[in-house]
Amino acid sequence: MPSTPDVRPVGDLPNEIGKTAARELSLNGITHLEQVAQHSQKELLAIHGVGPKAIAILGDALAARGLGFEDA
Protein backbone atom coordinates (compact mmCIF):
# COMPACT_ATOMS: atom_id res chain seq x y z
CA MET A 1 0.00 0.00 0.00
CA PRO A 2 1.49 3.38 -0.94
CA SER A 3 2.07 5.80 1.88
CA THR A 4 -0.03 8.93 2.18
CA PRO A 5 1.93 12.04 1.24
CA ASP A 6 2.22 14.47 4.13
CA VAL A 7 1.01 17.87 2.90
CA ARG A 8 0.94 19.45 6.35
CA PRO A 9 0.83 22.19 7.32
CA VAL A 10 -2.32 23.09 5.45
CA GLY A 11 -3.32 26.70 6.04
CA ASP A 12 -4.12 27.08 9.71
CA LEU A 13 -5.60 23.60 10.17
CA PRO A 14 -4.13 21.78 13.18
CA ASN A 15 -1.48 19.20 12.27
CA GLU A 16 -3.02 16.80 14.81
CA ILE A 17 -5.90 16.01 12.42
CA GLY A 18 -3.55 13.66 10.57
CA LYS A 19 -2.03 13.70 7.13
CA THR A 20 -4.89 11.94 5.34
CA ALA A 21 -7.52 14.31 6.74
CA ALA A 22 -5.34 17.33 5.97
CA ARG A 23 -4.79 16.18 2.39
CA GLU A 24 -8.43 15.38 1.74
CA LEU A 25 -9.70 18.63 3.26
CA SER A 26 -7.20 20.51 1.10
CA LEU A 27 -8.34 18.64 -2.01
CA ASN A 28 -11.89 19.73 -1.14
CA GLY A 29 -10.83 23.38 -0.92
CA ILE A 30 -10.79 23.53 2.87
CA THR A 31 -7.49 24.94 4.09
CA HIS A 32 -8.48 27.31 6.91
CA LEU A 33 -10.58 27.04 10.05
CA GLU A 34 -12.94 29.72 8.76
CA GLN A 35 -13.72 27.38 5.86
CA VAL A 36 -14.22 24.44 8.25
CA ALA A 37 -16.79 26.57 10.12
CA GLN A 38 -18.85 26.84 6.92
CA HIS A 39 -19.53 23.09 6.99
CA SER A 40 -21.46 20.78 9.27
CA GLN A 41 -19.79 17.87 11.02
CA LYS A 42 -21.86 15.53 8.82
CA GLU A 43 -20.54 17.18 5.64
CA LEU A 44 -16.96 16.94 6.84
CA LEU A 45 -17.36 13.32 7.94
CA ALA A 46 -18.48 12.50 4.39
CA ILE A 47 -15.01 13.46 3.15
CA HIS A 48 -12.72 10.42 2.85
CA GLY A 49 -10.13 10.40 5.61
CA VAL A 50 -12.00 12.77 7.93
CA GLY A 51 -13.18 10.81 10.93
CA PRO A 52 -14.43 11.45 14.46
CA LYS A 53 -10.91 12.13 15.78
CA ALA A 54 -10.28 14.84 13.17
CA ILE A 55 -13.73 16.34 13.86
CA ALA A 56 -12.98 16.52 17.60
CA ILE A 57 -9.62 18.21 16.95
CA LEU A 58 -11.15 20.64 14.47
CA GLY A 59 -13.98 21.37 16.93
CA ASP A 60 -11.49 22.26 19.66
CA ALA A 61 -9.53 24.49 17.25
CA LEU A 62 -12.74 26.22 16.14
CA ALA A 63 -13.86 26.78 19.74
CA ALA A 64 -10.48 28.31 20.59
CA ARG A 65 -11.21 30.93 17.90
CA GLY A 66 -14.81 31.47 18.94
CA LEU A 67 -16.09 29.53 15.92
CA GLY A 68 -18.12 26.37 15.50
CA PHE A 69 -19.36 23.97 12.86
CA GLU A 70 -22.25 25.01 10.65
CA ASP A 71 -25.54 23.59 11.91
CA ALA A 72 -26.82 20.75 9.76
PDB file of N, CA and C in Angstrom:
ATOM      1  N   MET A   1       0.852  -1.174   0.000  1.00  0.00           N
ATOM      2  CA  MET A   1       0.000   0.000   0.000  1.00  0.00           C
ATOM      3  C   MET A   1       0.897   1.235   0.000  1.00  0.00           C
ATOM      4  N   PRO A   2       0.653   2.183  -0.918  1.00  0.00           N
ATOM      5  CA  PRO A   2       1.493   3.377  -0.945  1.00  0.00           C
ATOM      6  C   PRO A   2       1.219   4.254   0.277  1.00  0.00           C
ATOM      7  N   SER A   3       2.256   4.938   0.725  1.00  0.00           N
ATOM      8  CA  SER A   3       2.070   5.802   1.883  1.00  0.00           C
ATOM      9  C   SER A   3       1.368   7.085   1.466  1.00  0.00           C
ATOM     10  N   THR A   4       0.676   7.688   2.421  1.00  0.00           N
ATOM     11  CA  THR A   4      -0.033   8.932   2.178  1.00  0.00           C
ATOM     12  C   THR A   4       0.955  10.080   2.238  1.00  0.00           C
ATOM     13  N   PRO A   5       1.013  10.912   1.182  1.00  0.00           N
ATOM     14  CA  PRO A   5       1.934  12.042   1.244  1.00  0.00           C
ATOM     15  C   PRO A   5       1.512  13.012   2.340  1.00  0.00           C
ATOM     16  N   ASP A   6       2.489  13.552   3.031  1.00  0.00           N
ATOM     17  CA  ASP A   6       2.218  14.470   4.131  1.00  0.00           C
ATOM     18  C   ASP A   6       2.268  15.892   3.588  1.00  0.00           C
ATOM     19  N   VAL A   7       1.099  16.523   3.450  1.00  0.00           N
ATOM     20  CA  VAL A   7       1.012  17.870   2.899  1.00  0.00           C
ATOM     21  C   VAL A   7       0.952  18.931   3.990  1.00  0.00           C
ATOM     22  N   ARG A   8       1.042  18.499   5.238  1.00  0.00           N
ATOM     23  CA  ARG A   8       0.941  19.450   6.346  1.00  0.00           C
ATOM     24  C   ARG A   8       2.175  20.332   6.412  1.00  0.00           C
ATOM     25  N   PRO A   9       2.064  21.542   6.856  1.00  0.00           N
ATOM     26  CA  PRO A   9       0.825  22.190   7.321  1.00  0.00           C
ATOM     27  C   PRO A   9      -0.054  22.635   6.158  1.00  0.00           C
ATOM     28  N   VAL A  10      -1.334  22.611   6.411  1.00  0.00           N
ATOM     29  CA  VAL A  10      -2.322  23.088   5.448  1.00  0.00           C
ATOM     30  C   VAL A  10      -2.993  24.306   6.071  1.00  0.00           C
ATOM     31  N   GLY A  11      -2.729  25.466   5.510  1.00  0.00           N
ATOM     32  CA  GLY A  11      -3.323  26.696   6.039  1.00  0.00           C
ATOM     33  C   GLY A  11      -3.116  26.787   7.532  1.00  0.00           C
ATOM     34  N   ASP A  12      -4.203  27.027   8.247  1.00  0.00           N
ATOM     35  CA  ASP A  12      -4.124  27.081   9.706  1.00  0.00           C
ATOM     36  C   ASP A  12      -4.824  25.892  10.366  1.00  0.00           C
ATOM     37  N   LEU A  13      -5.002  24.806   9.595  1.00  0.00           N
ATOM     38  CA  LEU A  13      -5.595  23.597  10.173  1.00  0.00           C
ATOM     39  C   LEU A  13      -4.586  22.947  11.119  1.00  0.00           C
ATOM     40  N   PRO A  14      -5.065  22.421  12.243  1.00  0.00           N
ATOM     41  CA  PRO A  14      -4.133  21.785  13.178  1.00  0.00           C
ATOM     42  C   PRO A  14      -3.494  20.529  12.590  1.00  0.00           C
ATOM     43  N   ASN A  15      -2.198  20.374  12.772  1.00  0.00           N
ATOM     44  CA  ASN A  15      -1.480  19.197  12.266  1.00  0.00           C
ATOM     45  C   ASN A  15      -2.000  17.906  12.883  1.00  0.00           C
ATOM     46  N   GLU A  16      -2.557  17.987  14.079  1.00  0.00           N
ATOM     47  CA  GLU A  16      -3.017  16.803  14.807  1.00  0.00           C
ATOM     48  C   GLU A  16      -4.159  16.069  14.104  1.00  0.00           C
ATOM     49  N   ILE A  17      -4.794  16.696  13.103  1.00  0.00           N
ATOM     50  CA  ILE A  17      -5.898  16.005  12.422  1.00  0.00           C
ATOM     51  C   ILE A  17      -5.404  14.828  11.596  1.00  0.00           C
ATOM     52  N   GLY A  18      -4.112  14.774  11.323  1.00  0.00           N
ATOM     53  CA  GLY A  18      -3.545  13.660  10.568  1.00  0.00           C
ATOM     54  C   GLY A  18      -3.332  14.030   9.110  1.00  0.00           C
ATOM     55  N   LYS A  19      -2.401  13.332   8.495  1.00  0.00           N
ATOM     56  CA  LYS A  19      -2.030  13.697   7.128  1.00  0.00           C
ATOM     57  C   LYS A  19      -3.105  13.363   6.105  1.00  0.00           C
ATOM     58  N   THR A  20      -3.842  12.281   6.301  1.00  0.00           N
ATOM     59  CA  THR A  20      -4.892  11.942   5.338  1.00  0.00           C
ATOM     60  C   THR A  20      -6.014  12.968   5.399  1.00  0.00           C
ATOM     61  N   ALA A  21      -6.452  13.308   6.602  1.00  0.00           N
ATOM     62  CA  ALA A  21      -7.518  14.308   6.741  1.00  0.00           C
ATOM     63  C   ALA A  21      -7.069  15.649   6.185  1.00  0.00           C
ATOM     64  N   ALA A  22      -5.846  16.050   6.474  1.00  0.00           N
ATOM     65  CA  ALA A  22      -5.336  17.331   5.971  1.00  0.00           C
ATOM     66  C   ALA A  22      -5.320  17.345   4.450  1.00  0.00           C
ATOM     67  N   ARG A  23      -4.844  16.265   3.856  1.00  0.00           N
ATOM     68  CA  ARG A  23      -4.787  16.179   2.395  1.00  0.00           C
ATOM     69  C   ARG A  23      -6.179  16.233   1.782  1.00  0.00           C
ATOM     70  N   GLU A  24      -7.089  15.452   2.313  1.00  0.00           N
ATOM     71  CA  GLU A  24      -8.429  15.377   1.743  1.00  0.00           C
ATOM     72  C   GLU A  24      -9.205  16.678   1.927  1.00  0.00           C
ATOM     73  N   LEU A  25      -9.053  17.334   3.070  1.00  0.00           N
ATOM     74  CA  LEU A  25      -9.695  18.628   3.261  1.00  0.00           C
ATOM     75  C   LEU A  25      -9.149  19.623   2.241  1.00  0.00           C
ATOM     76  N   SER A  26      -7.833  19.621   2.056  1.00  0.00           N
ATOM     77  CA  SER A  26      -7.200  20.512   1.095  1.00  0.00           C
ATOM     78  C   SER A  26      -7.715  20.246  -0.319  1.00  0.00           C
ATOM     79  N   LEU A  27      -7.832  18.993  -0.687  1.00  0.00           N
ATOM     80  CA  LEU A  27      -8.341  18.635  -2.015  1.00  0.00           C
ATOM     81  C   LEU A  27      -9.787  19.083  -2.210  1.00  0.00           C
ATOM     82  N   ASN A  28     -10.502  19.254  -1.093  1.00  0.00           N
ATOM     83  CA  ASN A  28     -11.889  19.726  -1.145  1.00  0.00           C
ATOM     84  C   ASN A  28     -11.975  21.236  -0.932  1.00  0.00           C
ATOM     85  N   GLY A  29     -10.842  21.923  -1.016  1.00  0.00           N
ATOM     86  CA  GLY A  29     -10.830  23.380  -0.920  1.00  0.00           C
ATOM     87  C   GLY A  29     -10.930  23.939   0.477  1.00  0.00           C
ATOM     88  N   ILE A  30     -10.695  23.095   1.478  1.00  0.00           N
ATOM     89  CA  ILE A  30     -10.788  23.533   2.873  1.00  0.00           C
ATOM     90  C   ILE A  30      -9.377  23.569   3.447  1.00  0.00           C
ATOM     91  N   THR A  31      -8.857  24.785   3.615  1.00  0.00           N
ATOM     92  CA  THR A  31      -7.490  24.939   4.094  1.00  0.00           C
ATOM     93  C   THR A  31      -7.385  25.832   5.328  1.00  0.00           C
ATOM     94  N   HIS A  32      -8.494  26.418   5.754  1.00  0.00           N
ATOM     95  CA  HIS A  32      -8.484  27.306   6.914  1.00  0.00           C
ATOM     96  C   HIS A  32      -9.685  27.011   7.818  1.00  0.00           C
ATOM     97  N   LEU A  33      -9.516  27.307   9.087  1.00  0.00           N
ATOM     98  CA  LEU A  33     -10.583  27.037  10.052  1.00  0.00           C
ATOM     99  C   LEU A  33     -11.864  27.787   9.717  1.00  0.00           C
ATOM    100  N   GLU A  34     -11.751  28.981   9.154  1.00  0.00           N
ATOM    101  CA  GLU A  34     -12.943  29.724   8.757  1.00  0.00           C
ATOM    102  C   GLU A  34     -13.747  28.951   7.714  1.00  0.00           C
ATOM    103  N   GLN A  35     -13.043  28.208   6.858  1.00  0.00           N
ATOM    104  CA  GLN A  35     -13.724  27.382   5.860  1.00  0.00           C
ATOM    105  C   GLN A  35     -14.335  26.147   6.511  1.00  0.00           C
ATOM    106  N   VAL A  36     -13.667  25.586   7.507  1.00  0.00           N
ATOM    107  CA  VAL A  36     -14.224  24.445   8.248  1.00  0.00           C
ATOM    108  C   VAL A  36     -15.549  24.856   8.873  1.00  0.00           C
ATOM    109  N   ALA A  37     -15.596  26.077   9.424  1.00  0.00           N
ATOM    110  CA  ALA A  37     -16.787  26.570  10.118  1.00  0.00           C
ATOM    111  C   ALA A  37     -17.983  26.735   9.189  1.00  0.00           C
ATOM    112  N   GLN A  38     -17.762  26.713   7.892  1.00  0.00           N
ATOM    113  CA  GLN A  38     -18.847  26.842   6.918  1.00  0.00           C
ATOM    114  C   GLN A  38     -19.486  25.501   6.586  1.00  0.00           C
ATOM    115  N   HIS A  39     -19.026  24.438   7.242  1.00  0.00           N
ATOM    116  CA  HIS A  39     -19.530  23.088   6.986  1.00  0.00           C
ATOM    117  C   HIS A  39     -20.037  22.455   8.270  1.00  0.00           C
ATOM    118  N   SER A  40     -20.983  21.548   8.120  1.00  0.00           N
ATOM    119  CA  SER A  40     -21.461  20.783   9.274  1.00  0.00           C
ATOM    120  C   SER A  40     -20.511  19.605   9.526  1.00  0.00           C
ATOM    121  N   GLN A  41     -20.599  19.058  10.710  1.00  0.00           N
ATOM    122  CA  GLN A  41     -19.794  17.868  11.020  1.00  0.00           C
ATOM    123  C   GLN A  41     -20.144  16.742  10.052  1.00  0.00           C
ATOM    124  N   LYS A  42     -21.418  16.597   9.723  1.00  0.00           N
ATOM    125  CA  LYS A  42     -21.856  15.532   8.819  1.00  0.00           C
ATOM    126  C   LYS A  42     -21.214  15.693   7.443  1.00  0.00           C
ATOM    127  N   GLU A  43     -21.166  16.933   6.939  1.00  0.00           N
ATOM    128  CA  GLU A  43     -20.541  17.184   5.636  1.00  0.00           C
ATOM    129  C   GLU A  43     -19.054  16.835   5.664  1.00  0.00           C
ATOM    130  N   LEU A  44     -18.392  17.212   6.736  1.00  0.00           N
ATOM    131  CA  LEU A  44     -16.960  16.939   6.845  1.00  0.00           C
ATOM    132  C   LEU A  44     -16.692  15.447   6.998  1.00  0.00           C
ATOM    133  N   LEU A  45     -17.534  14.771   7.755  1.00  0.00           N
ATOM    134  CA  LEU A  45     -17.355  13.323   7.936  1.00  0.00           C
ATOM    135  C   LEU A  45     -17.556  12.557   6.632  1.00  0.00           C
ATOM    136  N   ALA A  46     -18.265  13.151   5.687  1.00  0.00           N
ATOM    137  CA  ALA A  46     -18.485  12.503   4.390  1.00  0.00           C
ATOM    138  C   ALA A  46     -17.238  12.550   3.512  1.00  0.00           C
ATOM    139  N   ILE A  47     -16.253  13.366   3.906  1.00  0.00           N
ATOM    140  CA  ILE A  47     -15.006  13.456   3.152  1.00  0.00           C
ATOM    141  C   ILE A  47     -14.104  12.297   3.558  1.00  0.00           C
ATOM    142  N   HIS A  48     -13.617  11.541   2.586  1.00  0.00           N
ATOM    143  CA  HIS A  48     -12.724  10.416   2.852  1.00  0.00           C
ATOM    144  C   HIS A  48     -11.563  10.877   3.729  1.00  0.00           C
ATOM    145  N   GLY A  49     -11.274  10.114   4.766  1.00  0.00           N
ATOM    146  CA  GLY A  49     -10.129  10.404   5.613  1.00  0.00           C
ATOM    147  C   GLY A  49     -10.419  11.325   6.784  1.00  0.00           C
ATOM    148  N   VAL A  50     -11.618  11.896   6.817  1.00  0.00           N
ATOM    149  CA  VAL A  50     -11.995  12.770   7.932  1.00  0.00           C
ATOM    150  C   VAL A  50     -12.925  11.970   8.837  1.00  0.00           C
ATOM    151  N   GLY A  51     -12.413  11.619  10.000  1.00  0.00           N
ATOM    152  CA  GLY A  51     -13.182  10.808  10.927  1.00  0.00           C
ATOM    153  C   GLY A  51     -13.479  11.545  12.222  1.00  0.00           C
ATOM    154  N   PRO A  52     -14.055  10.836  13.184  1.00  0.00           N
ATOM    155  CA  PRO A  52     -14.429  11.449  14.462  1.00  0.00           C
ATOM    156  C   PRO A  52     -13.260  12.112  15.191  1.00  0.00           C
ATOM    157  N   LYS A  53     -12.074  11.533  15.104  1.00  0.00           N
ATOM    158  CA  LYS A  53     -10.915  12.130  15.777  1.00  0.00           C
ATOM    159  C   LYS A  53     -10.586  13.491  15.168  1.00  0.00           C
ATOM    160  N   ALA A  54     -10.557  13.573  13.840  1.00  0.00           N
ATOM    161  CA  ALA A  54     -10.283  14.842  13.167  1.00  0.00           C
ATOM    162  C   ALA A  54     -11.365  15.869  13.493  1.00  0.00           C
ATOM    163  N   ILE A  55     -12.622  15.426  13.535  1.00  0.00           N
ATOM    164  CA  ILE A  55     -13.728  16.339  13.856  1.00  0.00           C
ATOM    165  C   ILE A  55     -13.560  16.900  15.267  1.00  0.00           C
ATOM    166  N   ALA A  56     -13.182  16.059  16.214  1.00  0.00           N
ATOM    167  CA  ALA A  56     -12.983  16.522  17.598  1.00  0.00           C
ATOM    168  C   ALA A  56     -11.850  17.554  17.663  1.00  0.00           C
ATOM    169  N   ILE A  57     -10.763  17.286  16.959  1.00  0.00           N
ATOM    170  CA  ILE A  57      -9.621  18.205  16.954  1.00  0.00           C
ATOM    171  C   ILE A  57     -10.007  19.518  16.283  1.00  0.00           C
ATOM    172  N   LEU A  58     -10.704  19.437  15.160  1.00  0.00           N
ATOM    173  CA  LEU A  58     -11.155  20.637  14.474  1.00  0.00           C
ATOM    174  C   LEU A  58     -12.143  21.418  15.340  1.00  0.00           C
ATOM    175  N   GLY A  59     -13.016  20.715  16.039  1.00  0.00           N
ATOM    176  CA  GLY A  59     -13.982  21.366  16.927  1.00  0.00           C
ATOM    177  C   GLY A  59     -13.290  22.150  18.028  1.00  0.00           C
ATOM    178  N   ASP A  60     -12.250  21.566  18.611  1.00  0.00           N
ATOM    179  CA  ASP A  60     -11.489  22.260  19.656  1.00  0.00           C
ATOM    180  C   ASP A  60     -10.795  23.500  19.088  1.00  0.00           C
ATOM    181  N   ALA A  61     -10.218  23.367  17.884  1.00  0.00           N
ATOM    182  CA  ALA A  61      -9.534  24.493  17.255  1.00  0.00           C
ATOM    183  C   ALA A  61     -10.526  25.607  16.903  1.00  0.00           C
ATOM    184  N   LEU A  62     -11.711  25.220  16.438  1.00  0.00           N
ATOM    185  CA  LEU A  62     -12.740  26.216  16.143  1.00  0.00           C
ATOM    186  C   LEU A  62     -13.170  26.940  17.417  1.00  0.00           C
ATOM    187  N   ALA A  63     -13.418  26.189  18.470  1.00  0.00           N
ATOM    188  CA  ALA A  63     -13.859  26.780  19.739  1.00  0.00           C
ATOM    189  C   ALA A  63     -12.827  27.761  20.286  1.00  0.00           C
ATOM    190  N   ALA A  64     -11.543  27.428  20.113  1.00  0.00           N
ATOM    191  CA  ALA A  64     -10.478  28.313  20.588  1.00  0.00           C
ATOM    192  C   ALA A  64     -10.514  29.658  19.858  1.00  0.00           C
ATOM    193  N   ARG A  65     -11.105  29.698  18.684  1.00  0.00           N
ATOM    194  CA  ARG A  65     -11.209  30.934  17.900  1.00  0.00           C
ATOM    195  C   ARG A  65     -12.610  31.535  17.971  1.00  0.00           C
ATOM    196  N   GLY A  66     -13.447  30.960  18.820  1.00  0.00           N
ATOM    197  CA  GLY A  66     -14.814  31.470  18.944  1.00  0.00           C
ATOM    198  C   GLY A  66     -15.706  31.093  17.773  1.00  0.00           C
ATOM    199  N   LEU A  67     -15.328  30.018  17.077  1.00  0.00           N
ATOM    200  CA  LEU A  67     -16.093  29.534  15.918  1.00  0.00           C
ATOM    201  C   LEU A  67     -16.696  28.177  16.236  1.00  0.00           C
ATOM    202  N   GLY A  68     -17.540  27.699  15.362  1.00  0.00           N
ATOM    203  CA  GLY A  68     -18.118  26.369  15.503  1.00  0.00           C
ATOM    204  C   GLY A  68     -18.500  25.840  14.133  1.00  0.00           C
ATOM    205  N   PHE A  69     -18.906  24.579  14.108  1.00  0.00           N
ATOM    206  CA  PHE A  69     -19.364  23.971  12.863  1.00  0.00           C
ATOM    207  C   PHE A  69     -20.699  24.574  12.455  1.00  0.00           C
ATOM    208  N   GLU A  70     -20.962  24.580  11.167  1.00  0.00           N
ATOM    209  CA  GLU A  70     -22.254  25.006  10.649  1.00  0.00           C
ATOM    210  C   GLU A  70     -23.300  24.009  11.136  1.00  0.00           C
ATOM    211  N   ASP A  71     -24.483  24.501  11.494  1.00  0.00           N
ATOM    212  CA  ASP A  71     -25.541  23.594  11.905  1.00  0.00           C
ATOM    213  C   ASP A  71     -26.078  22.847  10.694  1.00  0.00           C
ATOM    214  N   ALA A  72     -26.314  21.565  10.884  1.00  0.00           N
ATOM    215  CA  ALA A  72     -26.821  20.746   9.763  1.00  0.00           C
ATOM    216  C   ALA A  72     -28.315  20.840   9.669  1.00  0.00           C
TER     217      ALA A  72
END
